[in-house]
Amino acid sequence: MSTDDILHLTNRLRRKLNLYDRTYFPIVEFIETVLPEIDPKFSYLYVAKNEMPDTYAYFDNVANSIVVREDVYDRALNGSGRDRFTLAHELGHYVLHSSGVQLCRSDGGRVVTYCDPEWQANTFASKLLMPDHLIYTLTPSEISKEFGTSYQAAEIALYKAKKAKLAT
């Protein structure tokens, strides 16, 4: 999927939730409350840090569940931008890859960027939490504060949004 495809998908989701023009996307509440109503087969699980010391969270497409370390969940619940992004990233895997990961490879055997599931999930998280149409006129500091993201994620999102706008 291209950046534009993912942006259209996240904008559609925000519209359905009446959040299209809202800055703060309630990612924790969405995963805990809304998603299980939309997909009764979906589940989420919080595990102790010692059970996943090297992993913050992951999407299990066989079990159709997002598994999150408790410390990551707690920080996301308290508004940590990095941890909110982690949850949105895993939601991206659920939305984009729940029927199985499909890779596109170039002649050199490398995964083409727009087909890379990690790139897609990062792009999904960025566009869901910081939609282009809401961030063009803001600074990275304003985006970080109003959208509940890290400064670094806000900086990257703003750069990419402005670059995309110039290309049109």
Protein backbone atom coordinates (compact mmCIF):
# COMPACT_ATOMS: atom_id res chain seq x y z
CA MET A 1 0.00 0.00 0.00
CA SER A 2 1.16 3.49 -0.78
CA THR A 3 1.24 6.41 1.66
CA ASP A 4 -1.86 7.84 -0.06
CA ASP A 5 -3.71 4.51 0.28
CA ILE A 6 -2.90 4.38 3.98
CA LEU A 7 -3.85 8.04 4.49
CA HIS A 8 -7.23 7.44 2.83
CA LEU A 9 -7.76 4.37 5.03
CA THR A 10 -6.93 6.19 8.27
CA ASN A 11 -9.05 9.19 7.27
CA ARG A 12 -11.98 6.86 6.55
CA LEU A 13 -11.57 5.28 9.96
CA ARG A 14 -11.46 8.69 11.65
CA ARG A 15 -14.60 9.77 9.75
CA LYS A 16 -16.52 6.65 10.82
CA LEU A 17 -15.58 7.38 14.43
CA ASN A 18 -16.48 11.09 14.11
CA LEU A 19 -12.83 11.95 14.80
CA TYR A 20 -11.86 13.33 11.39
CA ASP A 21 -11.21 16.87 12.65
CA ARG A 22 -10.08 15.96 16.17
CA THR A 23 -6.44 16.19 17.07
CA TYR A 24 -6.18 13.48 19.74
CA PHE A 25 -7.00 9.93 18.62
CA PRO A 26 -7.96 7.78 21.64
CA ILE A 27 -5.85 4.77 20.67
CA VAL A 28 -6.09 2.90 23.99
CA GLU A 29 -9.87 3.27 24.18
CA PHE A 30 -10.19 2.28 20.52
CA ILE A 31 -8.24 -0.96 21.01
CA GLU A 32 -9.95 -1.83 24.29
CA THR A 33 -13.54 -0.82 23.56
CA VAL A 34 -14.32 -0.09 19.91
CA LEU A 35 -12.29 -2.73 18.09
CA PRO A 36 -13.72 -5.71 20.02
CA GLU A 37 -17.22 -4.48 19.11
CA ILE A 38 -16.30 -4.17 15.42
CA ASP A 39 -14.48 -7.52 15.33
CA PRO A 40 -15.65 -9.99 18.01
CA LYS A 41 -12.73 -12.28 17.07
CA PHE A 42 -10.20 -9.57 17.98
CA SER A 43 -8.53 -9.64 21.38
CA TYR A 44 -5.81 -7.75 23.20
CA LEU A 45 -3.57 -8.94 25.98
CA TYR A 46 -1.25 -7.15 28.39
CA VAL A 47 1.76 -9.10 29.64
CA ALA A 48 4.46 -8.43 32.21
CA LYS A 49 7.72 -6.87 31.05
CA ASN A 50 9.66 -10.00 32.02
CA GLU A 51 7.52 -12.05 29.60
CA MET A 52 8.58 -9.85 26.65
CA PRO A 53 11.78 -8.09 27.75
CA ASP A 54 12.90 -7.26 24.20
CA THR A 55 9.52 -6.50 22.61
CA TYR A 56 7.12 -3.65 23.37
CA ALA A 57 4.13 -5.11 21.55
CA TYR A 58 3.21 -7.27 18.59
CA PHE A 59 0.24 -8.30 16.49
CA ASP A 60 -0.45 -12.04 16.34
CA ASN A 61 -2.32 -12.57 13.08
CA VAL A 62 -3.08 -16.22 13.91
CA ALA A 63 -4.77 -15.34 17.22
CA ASN A 64 -6.04 -12.01 15.82
CA SER A 65 -4.73 -10.21 18.87
CA ILE A 66 -2.48 -7.38 19.90
CA VAL A 67 -0.12 -8.28 22.74
CA VAL A 68 1.32 -5.34 24.68
CA ARG A 69 3.76 -5.15 27.56
CA GLU A 70 2.08 -3.74 30.68
CA ASP A 71 4.61 -0.94 31.08
CA VAL A 72 3.99 0.17 27.48
CA TYR A 73 0.23 0.03 28.06
CA ASP A 74 0.51 2.04 31.29
CA ARG A 75 2.58 4.73 29.61
CA ALA A 76 0.23 4.89 26.61
CA LEU A 77 -2.70 5.22 28.99
CA ASN A 78 -0.86 8.14 30.62
CA GLY A 79 -0.30 9.84 27.25
CA SER A 80 3.25 8.80 26.33
CA GLY A 81 3.60 9.67 22.65
CA ARG A 82 6.06 6.90 21.89
CA ASP A 83 3.87 4.26 23.50
CA ARG A 84 0.69 5.58 21.87
CA PHE A 85 2.54 5.29 18.55
CA THR A 86 3.50 1.69 19.41
CA LEU A 87 -0.17 0.79 19.93
CA ALA A 88 -1.18 2.56 16.71
CA HIS A 89 1.63 0.70 14.90
CA GLU A 90 0.27 -2.67 16.08
CA LEU A 91 -3.24 -1.56 15.12
CA GLY A 92 -1.77 -0.90 11.68
CA HIS A 93 -0.59 -4.50 11.48
CA TYR A 94 -4.08 -5.65 12.49
CA VAL A 95 -5.82 -3.48 9.88
CA LEU A 96 -3.33 -4.02 7.06
CA HIS A 97 -2.00 -7.53 7.65
CA SER A 98 -4.56 -9.62 9.53
CA SER A 99 -5.11 -11.88 6.52
CA GLY A 100 -1.41 -12.69 6.39
CA VAL A 101 1.66 -10.65 5.56
CA GLN A 102 2.26 -10.23 1.85
CA LEU A 103 5.68 -9.02 0.78
CA CYS A 104 6.66 -7.41 -2.50
CA ARG A 105 10.23 -8.02 -3.53
CA SER A 106 12.35 -6.26 -6.10
CA ASP A 107 14.64 -8.11 -8.49
CA GLY A 108 17.41 -7.80 -5.90
CA GLY A 109 15.38 -9.79 -3.36
CA ARG A 110 14.76 -6.78 -1.13
CA VAL A 111 11.32 -5.81 0.07
CA VAL A 112 10.06 -2.75 -1.81
CA THR A 113 9.55 0.02 0.77
CA TYR A 114 5.82 0.56 0.24
CA CYS A 115 5.27 -3.22 0.57
CA ASP A 116 7.30 -3.57 3.78
CA PRO A 117 4.85 -4.42 6.59
CA GLU A 118 6.87 -2.43 9.15
CA TRP A 119 6.93 0.66 6.93
CA GLN A 120 3.19 0.26 6.33
CA ALA A 121 2.43 -0.07 10.07
CA ASN A 122 4.59 2.98 10.88
CA THR A 123 2.87 4.98 8.15
CA PHE A 124 -0.54 3.84 9.40
CA ALA A 125 0.32 4.88 12.98
CA SER A 126 1.60 8.27 11.83
CA LYS A 127 -1.39 9.04 9.61
CA LEU A 128 -3.91 7.81 12.19
CA LEU A 129 -2.43 9.82 15.05
CA MET A 130 -1.37 12.85 12.97
CA PRO A 131 -3.49 13.22 9.81
CA ASP A 132 -1.97 15.46 7.16
CA HIS A 133 -4.95 17.80 6.94
CA LEU A 134 -4.66 18.71 10.63
CA ILE A 135 -0.91 19.25 10.95
CA TYR A 136 0.19 21.42 7.98
CA THR A 137 0.03 24.72 9.85
CA LEU A 138 1.46 23.51 13.16
CA THR A 139 4.97 23.19 14.55
CA PRO A 140 6.36 19.84 15.71
CA SER A 141 5.96 21.01 19.33
CA GLU A 142 2.30 21.87 18.77
CA ILE A 143 1.68 18.57 17.00
CA SER A 144 3.38 16.60 19.77
CA LYS A 145 1.29 18.30 22.44
CA GLU A 146 -2.10 18.36 20.67
CA PHE A 147 -1.91 14.91 19.05
CA GLY A 148 -0.20 13.08 21.91
CA THR A 149 2.88 11.96 20.00
CA SER A 150 6.60 12.22 20.48
CA TYR A 151 8.38 15.30 19.15
CA GLN A 152 10.41 13.11 16.78
CA ALA A 153 7.28 11.46 15.32
CA ALA A 154 5.67 14.90 14.95
CA GLU A 155 8.73 16.25 13.15
CA ILE A 156 8.78 13.35 10.70
CA ALA A 157 5.01 13.47 10.11
CA LEU A 158 5.10 17.20 9.41
CA TYR A 159 8.04 16.86 7.02
CA LYS A 160 6.27 14.08 5.08
CA ALA A 161 2.92 15.90 5.04
CA LYS A 162 4.49 19.07 3.66
CA LYS A 163 6.50 17.09 1.11
CA ALA A 164 3.32 15.30 -0.07
CA LYS A 165 1.45 18.59 -0.30
CA LEU A 166 4.20 20.08 -2.48
CA ALA A 167 4.05 17.05 -4.77
CA THR A 168 0.36 17.61 -5.56
